[in-house]
N, C-alpha and C. Protein backbone atom coordinates (compact mmCIF):
# COMPACT_ATOMS: atom_id res chain seq x y z
N MET A 1 -17.78 -53.26 -2.76
CA MET A 1 -16.97 -53.66 -1.65
C MET A 1 -15.58 -53.01 -1.72
N LYS A 2 -15.01 -52.95 -2.92
CA LYS A 2 -13.70 -52.34 -3.07
C LYS A 2 -13.75 -50.86 -2.73
N THR A 3 -14.83 -50.17 -3.10
CA THR A 3 -14.92 -48.74 -2.82
C THR A 3 -15.02 -48.47 -1.32
N ILE A 4 -15.71 -49.33 -0.58
CA ILE A 4 -15.84 -49.16 0.87
C ILE A 4 -14.47 -49.33 1.53
N VAL A 5 -13.72 -50.33 1.11
CA VAL A 5 -12.39 -50.56 1.67
C VAL A 5 -11.47 -49.38 1.33
N LYS A 6 -11.57 -48.89 0.11
CA LYS A 6 -10.75 -47.75 -0.28
C LYS A 6 -11.10 -46.52 0.56
N LEU A 7 -12.38 -46.29 0.80
CA LEU A 7 -12.79 -45.15 1.61
C LEU A 7 -12.32 -45.28 3.05
N ILE A 8 -12.38 -46.49 3.61
CA ILE A 8 -11.92 -46.70 4.98
C ILE A 8 -10.42 -46.47 5.08
N VAL A 9 -9.67 -46.99 4.14
CA VAL A 9 -8.22 -46.81 4.14
C VAL A 9 -7.87 -45.33 3.95
N LEU A 10 -8.57 -44.68 3.05
CA LEU A 10 -8.33 -43.26 2.81
C LEU A 10 -8.67 -42.45 4.06
N GLY A 11 -9.79 -42.76 4.71
CA GLY A 11 -10.18 -42.05 5.92
C GLY A 11 -9.18 -42.23 7.04
N CYS A 12 -8.70 -43.46 7.24
CA CYS A 12 -7.69 -43.72 8.27
C CYS A 12 -6.39 -42.99 7.96
N GLY A 13 -6.01 -42.99 6.70
CA GLY A 13 -4.79 -42.29 6.30
C GLY A 13 -4.90 -40.80 6.54
N LEU A 14 -6.05 -40.22 6.22
CA LEU A 14 -6.25 -38.79 6.46
C LEU A 14 -6.23 -38.46 7.94
N MET A 15 -6.82 -39.31 8.77
CA MET A 15 -6.81 -39.08 10.21
C MET A 15 -5.40 -39.14 10.78
N MET A 16 -4.61 -40.11 10.32
CA MET A 16 -3.24 -40.21 10.79
C MET A 16 -2.41 -39.03 10.31
N TRP A 17 -2.65 -38.60 9.07
CA TRP A 17 -1.92 -37.45 8.52
C TRP A 17 -2.28 -36.17 9.29
N ALA A 18 -3.57 -36.01 9.68
CA ALA A 18 -3.99 -34.83 10.43
C ALA A 18 -3.44 -34.84 11.85
N ALA A 19 -3.23 -36.02 12.44
CA ALA A 19 -2.73 -36.13 13.80
C ALA A 19 -1.21 -36.05 13.86
N LEU A 20 -0.53 -36.10 12.75
CA LEU A 20 0.93 -36.09 12.73
C LEU A 20 1.53 -34.85 13.39
N PRO A 21 1.03 -33.64 13.18
CA PRO A 21 1.63 -32.48 13.84
C PRO A 21 1.56 -32.55 15.36
N ALA A 22 0.57 -33.23 15.92
CA ALA A 22 0.48 -33.34 17.38
C ALA A 22 1.64 -34.14 17.95
N PHE A 23 2.16 -35.06 17.20
CA PHE A 23 3.26 -35.89 17.68
C PHE A 23 4.62 -35.31 17.33
N SER A 24 4.66 -34.33 16.46
CA SER A 24 5.95 -33.79 16.03
C SER A 24 6.18 -32.37 16.56
N ASP A 25 5.53 -32.00 17.66
CA ASP A 25 5.73 -30.67 18.23
C ASP A 25 7.15 -30.53 18.77
N GLU A 26 7.66 -29.33 18.68
CA GLU A 26 8.97 -29.05 19.22
C GLU A 26 8.85 -28.92 20.74
N PRO A 27 9.91 -29.21 21.45
CA PRO A 27 9.84 -29.04 22.90
C PRO A 27 9.73 -27.57 23.26
N GLY A 28 9.20 -27.29 24.44
CA GLY A 28 9.02 -25.91 24.89
C GLY A 28 10.34 -25.23 25.17
N PRO A 29 10.30 -23.97 25.58
CA PRO A 29 11.54 -23.24 25.85
C PRO A 29 12.22 -23.79 27.10
N PRO A 30 13.50 -23.57 27.23
CA PRO A 30 14.22 -24.08 28.41
C PRO A 30 13.76 -23.32 29.65
N PRO A 31 13.95 -23.88 30.82
CA PRO A 31 13.55 -23.20 32.06
C PRO A 31 14.42 -21.97 32.29
N PRO A 32 13.91 -20.98 33.02
CA PRO A 32 14.70 -19.77 33.25
C PRO A 32 15.90 -20.07 34.14
N PRO A 33 16.92 -19.20 34.11
CA PRO A 33 18.10 -19.43 34.95
C PRO A 33 17.73 -19.35 36.43
N GLY A 34 18.61 -19.83 37.27
CA GLY A 34 18.34 -19.91 38.70
C GLY A 34 18.10 -18.57 39.37
N GLU A 35 18.70 -17.48 38.88
CA GLU A 35 18.54 -16.18 39.51
C GLU A 35 17.36 -15.41 38.96
N HIS A 36 16.56 -16.01 38.15
CA HIS A 36 15.42 -15.33 37.56
C HIS A 36 14.40 -15.00 38.64
N GLY A 37 13.97 -13.78 38.69
CA GLY A 37 12.95 -13.38 39.64
C GLY A 37 13.50 -12.91 40.97
N VAL A 38 14.83 -12.87 41.14
CA VAL A 38 15.40 -12.43 42.42
C VAL A 38 15.11 -10.96 42.63
N GLY A 39 15.30 -10.16 41.60
CA GLY A 39 15.02 -8.72 41.69
C GLY A 39 13.60 -8.40 41.27
N GLY A 40 12.73 -9.34 41.20
CA GLY A 40 11.37 -9.13 40.72
C GLY A 40 11.30 -9.42 39.24
N ASN A 41 10.18 -9.89 38.81
CA ASN A 41 10.02 -10.17 37.38
C ASN A 41 9.78 -8.85 36.66
N GLN A 42 10.76 -8.42 35.95
CA GLN A 42 10.67 -7.17 35.22
C GLN A 42 10.54 -7.48 33.74
N GLY A 43 9.55 -6.89 33.12
CA GLY A 43 9.36 -7.08 31.69
C GLY A 43 10.36 -6.28 30.89
N PRO A 44 10.40 -6.48 29.62
CA PRO A 44 11.32 -5.71 28.78
C PRO A 44 10.92 -4.24 28.75
N ALA A 45 11.88 -3.40 28.46
CA ALA A 45 11.61 -1.97 28.40
C ALA A 45 10.67 -1.67 27.25
N GLY A 46 9.76 -0.74 27.48
CA GLY A 46 8.79 -0.38 26.44
C GLY A 46 9.44 0.39 25.32
N ALA A 47 8.90 0.26 24.15
CA ALA A 47 9.42 0.98 22.99
C ALA A 47 8.95 2.42 23.04
N PRO A 48 9.82 3.38 22.76
CA PRO A 48 9.40 4.79 22.78
C PRO A 48 8.48 5.08 21.59
N ILE A 49 7.38 5.76 21.87
CA ILE A 49 6.47 6.11 20.78
C ILE A 49 6.48 7.59 20.51
N ASP A 50 7.21 8.37 21.31
CA ASP A 50 7.18 9.81 21.17
C ASP A 50 7.81 10.29 19.87
N GLY A 51 8.97 9.77 19.51
CA GLY A 51 9.68 10.26 18.33
C GLY A 51 8.89 10.05 17.06
N GLY A 52 8.43 8.86 16.83
CA GLY A 52 7.68 8.57 15.62
C GLY A 52 6.32 9.24 15.61
N LEU A 53 5.68 9.31 16.77
CA LEU A 53 4.36 9.92 16.86
C LEU A 53 4.43 11.42 16.60
N GLY A 54 5.47 12.07 17.12
CA GLY A 54 5.63 13.51 16.88
C GLY A 54 5.87 13.81 15.41
N ILE A 55 6.68 13.00 14.76
CA ILE A 55 6.94 13.19 13.33
C ILE A 55 5.66 12.98 12.53
N LEU A 56 4.91 11.94 12.88
CA LEU A 56 3.66 11.65 12.17
C LEU A 56 2.65 12.79 12.34
N LEU A 57 2.53 13.34 13.55
CA LEU A 57 1.61 14.45 13.77
C LEU A 57 2.06 15.70 13.01
N GLY A 58 3.37 15.94 12.97
CA GLY A 58 3.87 17.10 12.23
C GLY A 58 3.59 17.00 10.74
N ILE A 59 3.83 15.83 10.17
CA ILE A 59 3.56 15.63 8.74
C ILE A 59 2.07 15.76 8.47
N GLY A 60 1.24 15.23 9.37
CA GLY A 60 -0.21 15.35 9.20
C GLY A 60 -0.67 16.80 9.25
N ALA A 61 -0.08 17.61 10.14
CA ALA A 61 -0.43 19.02 10.22
C ALA A 61 -0.03 19.77 8.96
N ILE A 62 1.15 19.48 8.44
CA ILE A 62 1.59 20.13 7.20
C ILE A 62 0.68 19.75 6.04
N TYR A 63 0.34 18.48 5.93
CA TYR A 63 -0.54 18.02 4.86
C TYR A 63 -1.93 18.65 4.98
N GLY A 64 -2.45 18.72 6.20
CA GLY A 64 -3.76 19.34 6.40
C GLY A 64 -3.74 20.82 6.06
N GLY A 65 -2.67 21.52 6.42
CA GLY A 65 -2.56 22.93 6.07
C GLY A 65 -2.49 23.15 4.57
N LYS A 66 -1.77 22.27 3.89
CA LYS A 66 -1.68 22.37 2.43
C LYS A 66 -3.05 22.19 1.79
N LYS A 67 -3.78 21.17 2.25
CA LYS A 67 -5.12 20.92 1.70
C LYS A 67 -6.07 22.08 2.00
N TYR A 68 -5.94 22.68 3.19
CA TYR A 68 -6.79 23.81 3.55
C TYR A 68 -6.53 24.99 2.63
N LEU A 69 -5.25 25.29 2.38
CA LEU A 69 -4.92 26.41 1.50
C LEU A 69 -5.36 26.15 0.07
N GLN A 70 -5.24 24.91 -0.40
CA GLN A 70 -5.71 24.58 -1.75
C GLN A 70 -7.21 24.76 -1.86
N ALA A 71 -7.96 24.32 -0.85
CA ALA A 71 -9.41 24.45 -0.88
C ALA A 71 -9.80 25.92 -0.83
N LYS A 72 -9.09 26.71 -0.04
CA LYS A 72 -9.37 28.14 0.06
C LYS A 72 -9.11 28.84 -1.28
N LYS A 73 -8.04 28.43 -1.96
CA LYS A 73 -7.68 29.04 -3.24
C LYS A 73 -8.73 28.69 -4.31
N THR A 74 -9.16 27.43 -4.37
CA THR A 74 -10.15 27.04 -5.38
C THR A 74 -11.51 27.67 -5.08
N LYS A 75 -11.85 27.86 -3.81
CA LYS A 75 -13.11 28.51 -3.47
C LYS A 75 -13.08 29.97 -3.90
N LYS A 76 -11.92 30.62 -3.74
CA LYS A 76 -11.78 32.02 -4.14
C LYS A 76 -11.92 32.14 -5.66
N ARG A 77 -11.38 31.17 -6.40
CA ARG A 77 -11.50 31.21 -7.87
C ARG A 77 -12.94 31.03 -8.31
N LYS A 78 -13.69 30.17 -7.65
CA LYS A 78 -15.07 29.90 -8.04
C LYS A 78 -15.99 31.08 -7.74
N THR A 79 -15.70 31.83 -6.68
CA THR A 79 -16.57 32.94 -6.32
C THR A 79 -16.17 34.24 -7.01
N ALA A 80 -15.06 34.30 -7.72
CA ALA A 80 -14.63 35.51 -8.42
C ALA A 80 -15.56 35.79 -9.59
N ALA A 81 -15.79 37.07 -9.87
CA ALA A 81 -16.68 37.46 -10.98
C ALA A 81 -16.01 37.14 -12.30
N PRO A 82 -16.79 36.67 -13.28
CA PRO A 82 -16.20 36.36 -14.59
C PRO A 82 -15.80 37.65 -15.32
N GLU A 83 -14.78 37.54 -16.13
CA GLU A 83 -14.31 38.69 -16.91
C GLU A 83 -15.25 38.94 -18.08
N THR A 84 -15.53 40.21 -18.34
CA THR A 84 -16.39 40.58 -19.45
C THR A 84 -15.56 41.38 -20.45
N THR A 85 -15.59 40.97 -21.72
CA THR A 85 -14.84 41.67 -22.76
C THR A 85 -15.76 41.99 -23.92
N GLN A 86 -15.43 43.03 -24.66
CA GLN A 86 -16.21 43.45 -25.83
C GLN A 86 -15.61 42.78 -27.07
N THR A 87 -16.45 42.16 -27.90
CA THR A 87 -15.98 41.53 -29.12
C THR A 87 -16.14 42.48 -30.30
N GLU A 88 -15.69 42.09 -31.47
CA GLU A 88 -15.77 42.93 -32.67
C GLU A 88 -17.21 43.23 -33.06
N SER A 89 -18.10 42.28 -32.83
CA SER A 89 -19.48 42.48 -33.25
C SER A 89 -20.28 43.30 -32.23
N GLY A 90 -19.67 43.63 -31.09
CA GLY A 90 -20.36 44.46 -30.12
C GLY A 90 -20.99 43.66 -28.98
N PHE A 91 -20.94 42.34 -29.06
CA PHE A 91 -21.51 41.53 -27.98
C PHE A 91 -20.49 41.37 -26.86
N THR A 92 -20.99 41.12 -25.68
CA THR A 92 -20.08 40.89 -24.56
C THR A 92 -19.78 39.41 -24.48
N ASN A 93 -18.57 39.09 -24.08
CA ASN A 93 -18.11 37.72 -23.97
C ASN A 93 -17.70 37.47 -22.52
N ASN A 94 -18.37 36.55 -21.85
CA ASN A 94 -18.04 36.22 -20.47
C ASN A 94 -17.06 35.05 -20.45
N ASN A 95 -15.83 35.32 -20.11
CA ASN A 95 -14.82 34.28 -19.97
C ASN A 95 -14.75 33.87 -18.50
N VAL A 96 -15.05 32.62 -18.25
CA VAL A 96 -15.00 32.12 -16.89
C VAL A 96 -13.60 31.57 -16.64
N ALA A 97 -12.97 32.03 -15.58
CA ALA A 97 -11.62 31.61 -15.29
C ALA A 97 -11.62 30.23 -14.68
């Protein structure tokens, strides 16, 4: 019997605690001034995206060019013929760069 009463009290307390934010909401924003909308409802000016976008594209192009040149350089190294040298014993030694 004690456990049932404890559960009921706990359940009611949790429900009241969960409903508390509904009663403690802040009031909404104040009404607009009297001249609002006389010249038409105009939204705020848009943020310019050209300056940052141009810089980002430029940096991306430079980075892509750098990666392209690095890949071209490593491909040239891999396709180059290995150096052949004569050793003291007369055998050839292939040194891969």
